[in-house]
Amino acid sequence: MAEHGETQADEEEEEQVWSWGAGTDGQLGTTKLQDELLPQLLSLTSLPSISMLACGGAHVIALTSGKPPKISLIKGMLLVLVQVNILIMLFAGGKVFTWGRGSSGQLGHGDILNITLPKLVSFFDDSVITQAAAGWSHSGFVSDSGCIFTCGNGSFGQLGHGDTLSLSTPAKVSHFNNDSVKMVACGMRHSLVLFAGNQVCGFGSGKRGQLGFSSDRIKSVNLPCVVSGLKDVEVVRISANGDHSAAISADGQFFSWGRGFCGGPDVHAPQSLPSPLSFREVAVGWNHALLLTVDGEVFKLGSTLNKQPEKQQLQIDSSEALFEKVPDFDGVKVMQIAAGAEHSAAVTGKRGGAILLFLSSLHSANIKQTTFECLAENGEVKTWGWGEHGQLGLGNTNDQTSPELVSLGSIDLRTKEIKVYCGSGFTYAVKRKQELSPTSS
């Protein structure tokens, strides 16, 4: 119990959203139609707490987490959290906000206008959306009941409705049972769906083999078709970007199909690339793929700078010839990866040595042990690759061949979690920290 005159601290989460890079279509949420070379801290008063972002060619999808608002009852009293999902719809989990380029209807608002600030997609007022994906100019949404909805550019059949029409309002893909869809991924002009039985469907452009169900060159397919070669594989994660498709299995195998990396041949059916490594996450760009191992190491396949010094053949049996370890992460556990068109990002944990160095400089005996635990979970954002639009967040437009630290404001030991998301030429970071609310004992 605190003595008279002292205060206790109740932890509340505070969320910060940062964006940088290409912004001429309003995708940065700054209201300014311009590129930003440094991270911009956004004031998104209309947007509740975020559970995930999906960044596409020039548009952004945000899903809300259902975190209730803070309401101050009486000045000086404890701030309390009141669950008001029934009364205030905006704070219900699984609501969808979109902004940025809307010229193909990909924002889902029933028009083809660009929007510079997050706007609620009213179509989903009666739905709970649990996952979303953004392609170059189309969008996909998965509900908690296992339905999938798509909107935007449909000229290659990437919406999966059996035609090539574009839609400015989301429509349910009727091919799937109402409870079967688990995840959607959107590439340049194609879509992937992970559905019941841990199997994968593809639809849209298939010219480079990215649909994964034929050895022949298929121009496009406008209805979902099962990806071949994955029947006995328990797929748990899918990824798509450009003309690439990828999947991770429950036992950590990486599968890839579509456009060849670094000038290699196109692959028209999923191939499991040989490796002793066990992967848990994959992110693909236009010319590269990032892979995160269960041990927090990052490997890459292809190039982030559209340079092709050597061809990487997927048929090679040597994993060392395929996967290259990303430099500058030695001694650091990487928590998350993201890939844009030709740039990459990663969130790291803290080095153990850095924690000890910090502890040796502390003089206060009143620091809580939980502070040390939060520090151990603290992360940093690093970026590398193509930098023409400032998407690396380093204050310039230079390309970077190795990861560089991005500054997201002052160092704060209360940081609990950082998530990073890459669009084609822009980047977002969501930073959550523990906010201390003093209360009298």
Protein backbone atom coordinates (compact mmCIF):
# COMPACT_ATOMS: atom_id res chain seq x y z
CA MET A 1 0.00 0.00 0.00
CA ALA A 2 1.30 3.44 -0.86
CA GLU A 3 2.00 5.86 1.95
CA HIS A 4 0.12 9.12 2.31
CA GLY A 5 1.08 11.56 -0.44
CA GLU A 6 2.34 8.85 -2.79
CA THR A 7 0.52 7.58 -5.84
CA GLN A 8 0.04 4.25 -7.47
CA ALA A 9 0.09 3.79 -11.23
CA ASP A 10 -2.54 1.96 -13.22
CA GLU A 11 -1.47 0.87 -16.66
CA GLU A 12 -3.43 1.92 -19.71
CA GLU A 13 -2.47 1.41 -23.32
CA GLU A 14 -1.72 4.38 -25.51
CA GLU A 15 -1.50 3.93 -29.26
CA GLN A 16 0.55 5.93 -31.75
CA VAL A 17 0.27 5.61 -35.53
CA TRP A 18 3.15 6.75 -37.74
CA SER A 19 3.35 6.88 -41.56
CA TRP A 20 5.93 7.85 -44.16
CA GLY A 21 6.79 7.48 -47.85
CA ALA A 22 4.57 8.00 -50.90
CA GLY A 23 1.55 10.10 -50.02
CA THR A 24 0.19 11.81 -53.12
CA ASP A 25 -3.07 9.81 -53.03
CA GLY A 26 -3.76 10.48 -49.36
CA GLN A 27 -2.53 7.06 -48.21
CA LEU A 28 -0.44 8.49 -45.35
CA GLY A 29 -3.45 9.87 -43.48
CA THR A 30 -1.78 13.26 -42.97
CA THR A 31 -4.33 15.20 -45.13
CA LYS A 32 -1.32 16.41 -47.16
CA LEU A 33 -1.00 15.02 -50.67
CA GLN A 34 2.76 14.71 -50.60
CA ASP A 35 5.56 12.27 -49.88
CA GLU A 36 7.06 12.28 -46.40
CA LEU A 37 10.72 11.38 -45.91
CA LEU A 38 10.43 11.04 -42.13
CA PRO A 39 7.80 9.30 -39.96
CA GLN A 40 4.75 11.46 -39.29
CA LEU A 41 2.83 11.01 -36.04
CA LEU A 42 -0.83 10.98 -37.07
CA SER A 43 -3.79 12.47 -35.27
CA LEU A 44 -6.49 9.99 -36.17
CA THR A 45 -9.24 11.04 -33.79
CA SER A 46 -11.91 9.22 -35.81
CA LEU A 47 -10.08 5.90 -35.66
CA PRO A 48 -10.45 3.61 -32.62
CA SER A 49 -7.69 1.28 -31.48
CA ILE A 50 -6.24 -0.73 -34.37
CA SER A 51 -5.99 -4.52 -34.49
CA MET A 52 -4.30 -4.63 -37.90
CA LEU A 53 -3.49 -2.60 -41.01
CA ALA A 54 -3.30 -3.74 -44.63
CA CYS A 55 -1.41 -1.50 -47.06
CA GLY A 56 -1.82 -1.82 -50.83
CA GLY A 57 -0.73 0.06 -53.93
CA ALA A 58 -1.85 3.40 -52.51
CA HIS A 59 -4.62 2.60 -50.04
CA VAL A 60 -4.89 1.47 -46.43
CA ILE A 61 -7.34 -0.76 -44.56
CA ALA A 62 -7.60 -0.60 -40.77
CA LEU A 63 -9.49 -3.03 -38.55
CA THR A 64 -10.50 -1.97 -35.05
CA SER A 65 -9.63 -4.05 -32.02
CA GLY A 66 -12.72 -3.42 -29.92
CA LYS A 67 -10.75 -1.61 -27.22
CA PRO A 68 -13.32 0.59 -25.44
CA PRO A 69 -12.86 4.33 -24.99
CA LYS A 70 -11.58 5.97 -21.81
CA ILE A 71 -14.18 8.01 -19.95
CA SER A 72 -13.26 10.42 -17.16
CA LEU A 73 -16.07 10.42 -14.61
CA ILE A 74 -14.84 13.06 -12.18
CA LYS A 75 -11.65 15.09 -12.34
CA GLY A 76 -9.01 13.48 -10.17
CA MET A 77 -10.78 10.14 -10.03
CA LEU A 78 -9.51 6.96 -11.64
CA LEU A 79 -10.10 6.79 -15.37
CA VAL A 80 -12.29 3.81 -15.98
CA LEU A 81 -12.83 1.68 -19.06
CA VAL A 82 -16.43 1.09 -20.00
CA GLN A 83 -17.37 -1.51 -22.58
CA VAL A 84 -19.75 0.35 -24.86
CA ASN A 85 -19.62 -1.77 -28.01
CA ILE A 86 -23.41 -1.99 -28.08
CA LEU A 87 -23.97 1.73 -27.58
CA ILE A 88 -21.10 3.14 -29.62
CA MET A 89 -20.69 1.14 -32.81
CA LEU A 90 -17.41 2.78 -33.77
CA PHE A 91 -15.65 1.16 -30.83
CA ALA A 92 -16.81 -2.36 -31.63
CA GLY A 93 -14.11 -4.77 -32.71
CA GLY A 94 -13.84 -5.78 -36.33
CA LYS A 95 -14.99 -2.51 -37.87
CA VAL A 96 -13.31 -1.39 -41.08
CA PHE A 97 -11.82 1.99 -41.97
CA THR A 98 -10.15 2.78 -45.30
CA TRP A 99 -8.35 5.73 -46.88
CA GLY A 100 -6.01 6.63 -49.74
CA ARG A 101 -6.53 5.98 -53.43
CA GLY A 102 -10.06 4.94 -54.32
CA SER A 103 -10.06 5.23 -58.11
CA SER A 104 -11.05 1.58 -58.60
CA GLY A 105 -13.50 1.38 -55.70
CA GLN A 106 -10.97 -0.40 -53.48
CA LEU A 107 -11.94 1.68 -50.43
CA GLY A 108 -15.43 0.16 -50.41
CA HIS A 109 -17.40 3.37 -49.91
CA GLY A 110 -19.57 3.09 -53.02
CA ASP A 111 -17.59 5.63 -55.01
CA ILE A 112 -14.20 6.04 -56.72
CA LEU A 113 -12.90 8.96 -54.70
CA ASN A 114 -9.59 9.34 -52.90
CA ILE A 115 -9.83 9.91 -49.13
CA THR A 116 -7.12 11.49 -46.99
CA LEU A 117 -8.41 10.40 -43.57
CA PRO A 118 -9.81 7.09 -42.27
CA LYS A 119 -13.49 6.60 -43.11
CA LEU A 120 -15.73 3.87 -41.75
CA VAL A 121 -16.87 1.34 -44.36
CA SER A 122 -20.58 1.32 -43.57
CA PHE A 123 -21.19 -1.86 -45.57
CA PHE A 124 -19.75 -3.80 -42.62
CA ASP A 125 -21.92 -2.18 -39.94
CA ASP A 126 -23.51 -5.54 -39.16
CA SER A 127 -20.37 -7.63 -39.62
CA VAL A 128 -17.22 -8.33 -37.65
CA ILE A 129 -14.18 -8.33 -39.93
CA THR A 130 -11.22 -10.23 -38.50
CA GLN A 131 -8.67 -10.01 -41.33
CA ALA A 132 -8.13 -7.95 -44.47
CA ALA A 133 -5.71 -7.61 -47.37
CA ALA A 134 -4.93 -4.82 -49.82
CA GLY A 135 -3.69 -5.43 -53.36
CA TRP A 136 -2.56 -2.89 -55.93
CA SER A 137 -6.13 -1.70 -56.53
CA HIS A 138 -8.43 -4.24 -54.86
CA SER A 139 -9.28 -5.29 -51.33
CA GLY A 140 -10.37 -8.43 -49.50
CA PHE A 141 -12.10 -8.83 -46.13
CA VAL A 142 -12.73 -11.94 -44.00
CA SER A 143 -15.52 -11.99 -41.40
CA ASP A 144 -15.66 -13.84 -38.10
CA SER A 145 -18.28 -16.13 -39.65
CA GLY A 146 -15.84 -17.26 -42.36
CA CYS A 147 -17.18 -15.23 -45.27
CA ILE A 148 -15.00 -13.29 -47.70
CA PHE A 149 -15.87 -9.98 -49.34
CA THR A 150 -13.99 -8.18 -52.12
CA CYS A 151 -14.12 -4.82 -53.88
CA GLY A 152 -12.05 -2.67 -56.21
CA ASN A 153 -10.54 -3.45 -59.59
CA GLY A 154 -11.89 -6.69 -61.01
CA SER A 155 -10.57 -6.49 -64.58
CA PHE A 156 -8.50 -9.67 -64.17
CA GLY A 157 -11.11 -11.56 -62.13
CA GLN A 158 -9.24 -10.85 -58.89
CA LEU A 159 -12.51 -10.22 -57.01
CA GLY A 160 -13.62 -13.83 -57.55
CA HIS A 161 -17.22 -13.17 -58.57
CA GLY A 162 -17.16 -14.94 -61.94
CA ASP A 163 -16.76 -11.78 -64.00
CA THR A 164 -14.30 -8.95 -64.62
CA LEU A 165 -16.38 -6.13 -63.18
CA SER A 166 -14.99 -3.63 -60.72
CA LEU A 167 -16.95 -2.93 -57.53
CA SER A 168 -16.95 0.13 -55.29
CA THR A 169 -18.93 -1.66 -52.56
CA PRO A 170 -17.79 -4.96 -51.02
CA ALA A 171 -19.59 -8.09 -52.23
CA LYS A 172 -19.48 -11.59 -50.76
CA VAL A 173 -17.63 -14.21 -52.80
CA SER A 174 -20.35 -16.83 -53.08
CA HIS A 175 -18.03 -19.68 -54.07
CA PHE A 176 -17.11 -20.40 -50.44
CA ASN A 177 -19.32 -21.78 -47.71
CA ASN A 178 -20.27 -19.21 -45.11
CA ASP A 179 -17.93 -20.65 -42.50
CA SER A 180 -14.94 -21.78 -44.53
CA VAL A 181 -12.60 -18.81 -45.13
CA LYS A 182 -9.72 -18.14 -42.74
CA MET A 183 -7.46 -15.66 -44.54
CA VAL A 184 -7.12 -13.61 -47.73
CA ALA A 185 -4.01 -12.25 -49.46
CA CYS A 186 -4.00 -9.81 -52.39
CA GLY A 187 -1.28 -9.39 -55.00
CA MET A 188 -0.97 -6.98 -57.88
CA ARG A 189 -3.86 -8.50 -59.86
CA HIS A 190 -4.61 -11.78 -58.10
CA SER A 191 -5.98 -13.04 -54.80
CA LEU A 192 -5.35 -16.05 -52.57
CA VAL A 193 -7.74 -17.50 -50.01
CA LEU A 194 -6.93 -19.92 -47.19
CA PHE A 195 -10.08 -21.92 -46.45
CA ALA A 196 -11.36 -24.91 -44.49
CA GLY A 197 -9.04 -27.89 -44.51
CA ASN A 198 -6.07 -25.51 -44.61
CA GLN A 199 -6.17 -25.44 -48.39
CA VAL A 200 -5.62 -22.51 -50.75
CA CYS A 201 -7.60 -21.08 -53.67
CA GLY A 202 -6.44 -18.54 -56.22
CA PHE A 203 -8.18 -16.25 -58.72
CA GLY A 204 -7.33 -13.28 -60.92
CA SER A 205 -4.29 -12.89 -63.15
CA GLY A 206 -2.35 -16.11 -63.64
CA LYS A 207 0.06 -15.26 -66.44
CA ARG A 208 3.17 -15.74 -64.27
CA GLY A 209 1.92 -18.86 -62.50
CA GLN A 210 0.78 -17.01 -59.38
CA LEU A 211 -2.53 -18.93 -59.23
CA GLY A 212 -0.64 -22.18 -58.81
CA PHE A 213 -2.93 -24.68 -60.49
CA SER A 214 -1.62 -25.21 -64.01
CA SER A 215 1.68 -25.64 -65.84
CA ASP A 216 0.22 -23.71 -68.76
CA ARG A 217 0.16 -19.95 -68.94
CA ILE A 218 -3.33 -18.91 -67.86
CA LYS A 219 -4.14 -15.29 -68.54
CA SER A 220 -6.75 -14.98 -65.80
CA VAL A 221 -9.44 -16.85 -63.84
CA ASN A 222 -12.47 -15.09 -62.37
CA LEU A 223 -13.65 -17.82 -59.99
CA PRO A 224 -11.68 -19.41 -57.12
CA CYS A 225 -9.75 -22.55 -58.08
CA VAL A 226 -7.83 -24.80 -55.70
CA VAL A 227 -4.05 -24.39 -55.79
CA SER A 228 -2.46 -27.69 -56.77
CA GLY A 229 0.28 -29.43 -54.83
CA LEU A 230 -0.89 -28.41 -51.35
CA LYS A 231 -3.50 -31.11 -50.74
CA ASP A 232 -1.55 -32.87 -47.99
CA VAL A 233 -0.01 -29.68 -46.60
CA GLU A 234 -1.43 -27.94 -43.53
CA VAL A 235 -1.11 -24.33 -44.66
CA VAL A 236 -1.33 -21.78 -41.84
CA ARG A 237 -0.28 -18.55 -43.55
CA ILE A 238 -0.45 -17.11 -47.08
CA SER A 239 1.11 -14.05 -48.69
CA ALA A 240 0.85 -12.34 -52.09
CA ASN A 241 2.37 -9.28 -53.75
CA GLY A 242 3.19 -8.38 -57.31
CA ASP A 243 3.01 -11.64 -59.27
CA HIS A 244 4.27 -13.75 -56.36
CA SER A 245 2.38 -16.16 -54.10
CA ALA A 246 3.67 -17.87 -50.98
CA ALA A 247 2.56 -20.04 -48.07
CA ILE A 248 3.89 -21.31 -44.74
CA SER A 249 2.92 -24.75 -43.44
CA ALA A 250 2.28 -25.77 -39.84
CA ASP A 251 5.67 -27.51 -39.72
CA GLY A 252 7.52 -24.39 -40.90
CA GLN A 253 8.01 -25.16 -44.59
CA PHE A 254 8.02 -22.34 -47.14
CA PHE A 255 6.18 -22.75 -50.45
CA SER A 256 6.47 -20.34 -53.37
CA TRP A 257 4.92 -20.04 -56.83
CA GLY A 258 4.45 -17.39 -59.51
CA ARG A 259 7.02 -15.02 -60.95
CA GLY A 260 10.63 -16.17 -60.63
CA PHE A 261 12.88 -14.30 -58.23
CA CYS A 262 15.90 -12.41 -59.64
CA GLY A 263 15.14 -13.34 -63.24
CA GLY A 264 14.57 -17.01 -62.51
CA PRO A 265 11.86 -18.98 -64.33
CA ASP A 266 8.21 -18.64 -63.39
CA VAL A 267 6.85 -21.43 -61.18
CA HIS A 268 3.31 -22.57 -61.96
CA ALA A 269 2.75 -24.83 -58.94
CA PRO A 270 3.82 -24.47 -55.30
CA GLN A 271 7.37 -25.60 -54.61
CA SER A 272 8.71 -26.30 -51.16
CA LEU A 273 12.15 -24.75 -51.10
CA PRO A 274 14.63 -27.03 -49.32
CA SER A 275 15.90 -25.64 -46.03
CA PRO A 276 16.78 -26.89 -42.55
CA LEU A 277 15.16 -23.72 -41.22
CA SER A 278 11.66 -23.56 -39.73
CA PHE A 279 9.71 -20.48 -40.81
CA ARG A 280 6.75 -18.85 -39.09
CA GLU A 281 6.13 -15.77 -41.24
CA VAL A 282 6.54 -14.72 -44.89
CA ALA A 283 6.19 -11.34 -46.60
CA VAL A 284 6.60 -10.95 -50.35
CA GLY A 285 7.30 -7.91 -52.50
CA TRP A 286 7.53 -7.46 -56.26
CA ASN A 287 10.98 -9.01 -56.59
CA HIS A 288 11.78 -10.46 -53.18
CA ALA A 289 10.49 -12.44 -50.23
CA LEU A 290 11.31 -12.10 -46.54
CA LEU A 291 11.13 -15.09 -44.22
CA LEU A 292 11.10 -15.04 -40.43
CA THR A 293 12.22 -18.17 -38.61
CA VAL A 294 10.81 -19.46 -35.35
CA ASP A 295 14.07 -18.32 -33.73
CA GLY A 296 13.62 -14.72 -34.88
CA GLU A 297 16.13 -14.74 -37.75
CA VAL A 298 15.38 -13.08 -41.11
CA PHE A 299 16.25 -14.52 -44.51
CA LYS A 300 15.57 -13.13 -47.96
CA LEU A 301 14.96 -14.52 -51.41
CA GLY A 302 15.47 -12.19 -54.38
CA SER A 303 16.29 -8.48 -54.33
CA THR A 304 14.59 -5.39 -52.87
CA LEU A 305 16.30 -3.07 -55.36
CA ASN A 306 15.14 -4.66 -58.63
CA LYS A 307 18.73 -5.61 -59.39
CA GLN A 308 19.44 -9.04 -60.74
CA PRO A 309 23.13 -9.86 -60.23
CA GLU A 310 22.43 -13.55 -60.43
CA LYS A 311 19.52 -15.82 -61.16
CA GLN A 312 18.15 -17.88 -58.31
CA GLN A 313 16.68 -21.12 -59.58
CA LEU A 314 13.97 -22.60 -57.40
CA GLN A 315 15.05 -26.07 -58.51
CA ILE A 316 18.45 -25.76 -56.80
CA ASP A 317 18.75 -28.25 -53.94
CA SER A 318 21.07 -26.12 -51.80
CA SER A 319 19.22 -23.95 -49.30
CA GLU A 320 22.28 -21.74 -49.02
CA ALA A 321 21.93 -20.89 -52.72
CA LEU A 322 18.34 -19.79 -52.16
CA PHE A 323 18.12 -18.09 -48.79
CA GLU A 324 20.40 -15.26 -47.77
CA LYS A 325 20.47 -14.14 -44.16
CA VAL A 326 19.66 -10.45 -43.79
CA PRO A 327 22.67 -8.67 -42.23
CA ASP A 328 22.78 -6.52 -39.10
CA PHE A 329 20.37 -8.61 -37.03
CA ASP A 330 23.01 -10.71 -35.26
CA GLY A 331 22.23 -11.00 -31.56
CA VAL A 332 18.77 -9.51 -32.06
CA LYS A 333 15.51 -11.40 -32.21
CA VAL A 334 13.25 -10.11 -34.98
CA MET A 335 9.60 -10.05 -33.97
CA GLN A 336 7.87 -9.16 -37.25
CA ILE A 337 8.60 -8.55 -40.94
CA ALA A 338 6.88 -6.62 -43.75
CA ALA A 339 7.53 -6.14 -47.46
CA GLY A 340 6.53 -3.38 -49.86
CA ALA A 341 7.02 -3.35 -53.61
CA GLU A 342 10.79 -3.06 -53.32
CA HIS A 343 11.45 -2.19 -49.69
CA SER A 344 11.43 -4.15 -46.46
CA ALA A 345 10.87 -3.53 -42.76
CA ALA A 346 11.36 -5.45 -39.55
CA VAL A 347 10.58 -4.99 -35.87
CA THR A 348 13.31 -6.15 -33.53
CA GLY A 349 13.48 -7.00 -29.86
CA LYS A 350 16.15 -5.48 -27.63
CA ARG A 351 19.65 -6.90 -27.31
CA GLY A 352 20.29 -8.45 -23.91
CA GLY A 353 23.44 -6.35 -23.57
CA ALA A 354 21.46 -3.17 -24.07
CA ILE A 355 19.20 -4.11 -21.18
CA LEU A 356 22.14 -4.71 -18.83
CA LEU A 357 23.75 -1.44 -19.88
CA PHE A 358 20.54 0.41 -19.10
CA LEU A 359 20.10 -1.28 -15.75
CA SER A 360 23.62 -0.33 -14.70
CA SER A 361 22.74 3.33 -15.17
CA LEU A 362 19.60 3.29 -13.01
CA HIS A 363 19.78 4.96 -9.61
CA SER A 364 16.19 4.67 -8.48
CA ALA A 365 15.29 1.67 -6.33
CA ASN A 366 11.60 2.24 -6.97
CA ILE A 367 11.58 1.05 -10.58
CA LYS A 368 9.09 -1.80 -10.91
CA GLN A 369 10.20 -5.18 -12.21
CA THR A 370 7.48 -4.83 -14.86
CA THR A 371 9.44 -1.93 -16.31
CA PHE A 372 12.34 -4.29 -16.96
CA GLU A 373 10.01 -6.80 -18.60
CA CYS A 374 8.57 -4.13 -20.89
CA LEU A 375 12.08 -3.08 -21.83
CA ALA A 376 12.93 -6.63 -22.82
CA GLU A 377 9.91 -6.65 -25.15
CA ASN A 378 10.67 -3.21 -26.55
CA GLY A 379 11.34 -3.05 -30.25
CA GLU A 380 12.86 -0.96 -32.97
CA VAL A 381 11.85 -0.55 -36.61
CA LYS A 382 14.47 -1.05 -39.29
CA THR A 383 14.00 -0.56 -43.04
CA TRP A 384 16.00 -1.20 -46.20
CA GLY A 385 15.61 -1.41 -49.98
CA TRP A 386 14.16 1.11 -52.43
CA GLY A 387 13.87 4.63 -51.01
CA GLU A 388 12.68 6.86 -53.86
CA HIS A 389 9.55 8.08 -52.06
CA GLY A 390 11.01 8.21 -48.56
CA GLN A 391 9.41 4.88 -47.66
CA LEU A 392 12.44 3.95 -45.56
CA GLY A 393 11.72 6.85 -43.20
CA LEU A 394 15.36 7.94 -43.00
CA GLY A 395 14.94 11.56 -44.12
CA ASN A 396 16.14 11.01 -47.68
CA THR A 397 15.32 9.16 -50.89
CA ASN A 398 18.40 6.96 -50.95
CA ASP A 399 18.29 3.20 -51.38
CA GLN A 400 19.68 1.08 -48.55
CA THR A 401 21.22 -2.35 -48.95
CA SER A 402 21.15 -3.16 -45.23
CA PRO A 403 18.66 -2.44 -42.41
CA GLU A 404 18.72 1.09 -40.96
CA LEU A 405 17.07 2.26 -37.74
CA VAL A 406 13.93 4.40 -38.10
CA SER A 407 13.31 7.01 -35.41
CA LEU A 408 9.76 6.96 -34.04
CA GLY A 409 10.02 9.83 -31.60
CA SER A 410 12.03 9.70 -28.40
CA ILE A 411 13.01 6.37 -26.85
CA ASP A 412 10.28 5.35 -24.41
CA LEU A 413 10.80 2.47 -22.00
CA ARG A 414 7.04 2.02 -21.71
CA THR A 415 6.77 0.80 -25.30
CA LYS A 416 4.93 -2.50 -25.23
CA GLU A 417 4.65 -3.41 -28.89
CA ILE A 418 5.43 -2.10 -32.36
CA LYS A 419 3.90 -3.39 -35.58
CA VAL A 420 5.06 -2.33 -39.04
CA TYR A 421 3.17 -2.50 -42.35
CA CYS A 422 4.43 -1.83 -45.89
CA GLY A 423 2.48 -0.56 -48.89
CA SER A 424 3.97 -0.40 -52.36
CA GLY A 425 5.93 2.80 -51.68
CA PHE A 426 4.93 3.74 -48.13
CA THR A 427 5.16 2.42 -44.59
CA TYR A 428 3.10 2.48 -41.38
CA ALA A 429 4.07 1.71 -37.80
CA VAL A 430 1.68 1.26 -34.89
CA LYS A 431 3.31 1.77 -31.51
CA ARG A 432 1.62 0.79 -28.27
CA LYS A 433 2.94 1.76 -24.88
CA GLN A 434 1.86 1.55 -21.27
CA GLU A 435 0.54 4.90 -20.11
CA LEU A 436 0.77 5.43 -16.34
CA SER A 437 -2.33 6.95 -14.77
CA PRO A 438 -1.56 8.14 -11.22
CA THR A 439 -4.23 7.55 -8.60
CA SER A 440 -4.27 8.49 -4.95
CA SER A 441 -4.20 5.65 -2.43
